[in-house]
Each structure stands twice: as C-alpha cells, then as structure tokens.
Protein backbone atom coordinates (compact mmCIF):
# COMPACT_ATOMS: atom_id res chain seq x y z
CA GLN A 1 0.00 0.00 0.00
CA VAL A 2 1.07 3.53 -0.79
CA GLN A 3 0.37 6.34 1.61
CA LEU A 4 0.28 9.89 0.30
CA ALA A 5 0.51 12.98 2.43
CA GLU A 6 -0.25 16.37 0.91
CA SER A 7 0.77 19.68 2.34
CA GLY A 8 0.99 23.30 1.32
CA GLY A 9 -2.64 24.20 0.85
CA GLY A 10 -4.08 27.33 2.30
CA LEU A 11 -5.70 30.66 1.64
CA VAL A 12 -4.27 33.00 -0.94
CA GLN A 13 -5.47 36.04 -2.83
CA ALA A 14 -6.09 35.95 -6.55
CA GLY A 15 -2.84 36.33 -8.41
CA GLY A 16 -0.85 34.73 -5.64
CA SER A 17 1.04 31.47 -5.49
CA LEU A 18 1.09 28.26 -3.52
CA ARG A 19 3.29 25.20 -3.66
CA LEU A 20 1.78 21.85 -2.84
CA SER A 21 3.86 18.86 -1.84
CA CYS A 22 2.96 15.21 -1.66
CA VAL A 23 5.18 12.61 -0.06
CA ALA A 24 4.67 8.95 -0.83
CA SER A 25 5.48 6.32 1.74
CA GLY A 26 4.89 2.65 2.28
CA SER A 27 5.17 0.50 -0.82
CA VAL A 28 6.83 3.14 -2.95
CA TRP A 29 8.58 0.65 -5.21
CA GLY A 30 6.78 0.45 -8.49
CA ILE A 31 5.27 3.94 -8.43
CA ASP A 32 5.13 5.30 -11.94
CA ALA A 33 3.01 8.34 -12.68
CA MET A 34 2.00 10.75 -9.97
CA GLY A 35 -0.43 13.55 -10.27
CA TRP A 36 -2.68 16.18 -8.82
CA TYR A 37 -6.43 16.24 -9.08
CA ARG A 38 -8.85 18.74 -7.66
CA GLN A 39 -12.49 18.79 -6.76
CA ALA A 40 -14.52 21.91 -6.20
CA PRO A 41 -17.91 21.89 -4.50
CA GLY A 42 -20.58 20.63 -6.86
CA LYS A 43 -18.07 19.57 -9.48
CA GLU A 44 -16.43 16.32 -10.38
CA ARG A 45 -12.82 15.58 -9.67
CA GLU A 46 -10.60 16.73 -12.50
CA LEU A 47 -7.01 16.19 -13.48
CA VAL A 48 -4.78 19.15 -12.78
CA ALA A 49 -1.41 17.75 -13.77
CA SER A 50 0.44 14.49 -13.98
CA ILE A 51 4.04 13.46 -14.30
CA THR A 52 5.65 10.18 -15.21
CA TYR A 53 8.54 8.66 -13.34
CA SER A 54 10.91 9.98 -15.98
CA GLY A 55 9.47 13.48 -15.88
CA THR A 56 7.03 13.74 -18.76
CA THR A 57 4.28 16.14 -17.75
CA SER A 58 0.69 16.74 -18.71
CA TYR A 59 -1.64 19.54 -17.65
CA GLY A 60 -5.30 20.27 -17.65
CA VAL A 61 -6.20 23.04 -20.04
CA SER A 62 -7.43 25.31 -17.26
CA VAL A 63 -4.06 25.38 -15.52
CA LYS A 64 -1.69 25.16 -18.46
CA GLY A 65 0.89 27.90 -18.24
CA ARG A 66 0.10 28.70 -14.61
CA PHE A 67 0.88 25.48 -12.76
CA THR A 68 4.03 23.39 -12.84
CA ILE A 69 4.29 19.82 -11.67
CA SER A 70 7.62 18.30 -10.72
CA ARG A 71 8.93 15.39 -8.72
CA ASP A 72 11.92 14.27 -6.75
CA ASN A 73 12.13 10.53 -7.01
CA ALA A 74 14.83 10.30 -4.37
CA LYS A 75 12.40 11.88 -1.91
CA ASN A 76 9.32 10.11 -3.27
CA THR A 77 7.74 13.51 -3.56
CA VAL A 78 5.68 15.29 -6.17
CA TYR A 79 5.14 19.03 -6.18
CA LEU A 80 2.65 21.40 -7.71
CA GLN A 81 3.73 24.99 -8.08
CA MET A 82 0.63 27.09 -8.56
CA ASP A 83 1.07 30.62 -9.84
CA THR A 84 -1.38 33.30 -10.89
CA LEU A 85 -4.08 31.63 -8.86
CA LYS A 86 -7.68 32.40 -9.66
CA PRO A 87 -10.81 32.05 -7.54
CA GLU A 88 -11.90 29.19 -9.79
CA ASP A 89 -8.83 27.27 -8.63
CA THR A 90 -10.47 26.93 -5.22
CA ALA A 91 -10.84 23.23 -4.53
CA VAL A 92 -9.57 20.32 -2.54
CA TYR A 93 -6.41 19.13 -4.21
CA TYR A 94 -5.61 15.44 -4.13
CA CYS A 95 -2.32 13.75 -4.82
CA SER A 96 -2.33 10.49 -6.74
CA ALA A 97 0.19 7.76 -7.39
CA ASP A 98 -0.07 4.90 -9.82
CA ARG A 99 1.81 1.89 -8.60
CA PHE A 100 2.72 -0.98 -10.85
CA ALA A 101 3.27 -4.04 -8.71
CA GLY A 102 4.50 -6.26 -11.52
CA GLY A 103 3.25 -7.41 -14.85
CA THR A 104 0.18 -5.43 -15.81
CA SER A 105 -1.14 -4.97 -12.28
CA TRP A 106 -1.49 -1.43 -11.05
CA ALA A 107 -3.41 0.55 -8.50
CA ARG A 108 -4.03 4.24 -7.90
CA SER A 109 -3.55 5.63 -4.44
CA TRP A 110 -4.97 8.92 -3.21
CA GLY A 111 -4.00 11.35 -0.54
CA GLN A 112 -6.45 12.85 1.90
CA GLY A 113 -6.50 16.16 0.07
CA THR A 114 -5.47 19.67 0.94
CA GLN A 115 -7.73 22.69 0.69
CA VAL A 116 -6.74 25.53 -1.59
CA THR A 117 -8.84 28.65 -1.31
CA VAL A 118 -8.30 31.63 -3.58
CA SER A 119 -10.03 34.82 -2.56
CA SER A 120 -11.25 37.71 -4.73
C-alpha cells in the first residue's frame, strides 16, 4: 500500500502562489506516474497535472501555463507549483500515485487532500 501525504494548501489572494507537496510512503517501489487532481464543491474531480517517473508532464487546459508539476524521485515527492491563482482554482487538491506491482497490475492511491482557497 502507498500512503500519500499532501501539504501546502491554504488561503491565498487571486494572483498569488502556492506550492503543494505530496510525499509517498509505504510500498513506494513500483510507483510510476503521480499527479494532482482537484475537486470543487458541486463539481467532479478533474485532473490538474500528472508526471511520469521519468518526468514527462501533462496539464489540464485550465491550468496550463500557470501550474508546474515536478517530482523528486529520491524523496518520493511530487510538487505542484501554482502561480497566478484564480478564484476558480479553489478546490480540494488530491495527490495520486499509480503503482505498478508487476506485470500489468497497477493501483491508484490517493492522498487525503489539501484545501486551496483563492479569494477575490
């Protein structure tokens, strides 16, 4: 099992920045892609950004150019640098990790989420 712990959420004014961190622990061997999803009240969970083990990134259209995902494999940590935040970015942000346990078997783990609130 993979345990994910997010941190860095908080309250920020529009135009400001936050940096989210997510540390994976437990059965970290086999983790491939990691990512960030968010869910706002009344909306479905959506992909914010993802990154493969080797560093290939992908972004949701709404955050492209404003957010940057990165990872430090030695620390089993994925980051999300959020710049030029907008009120519509307000959501609970969840870290994910896709673990491949061998062969074609995989499972997605989720963190507990961290609240990001953008005022204005």
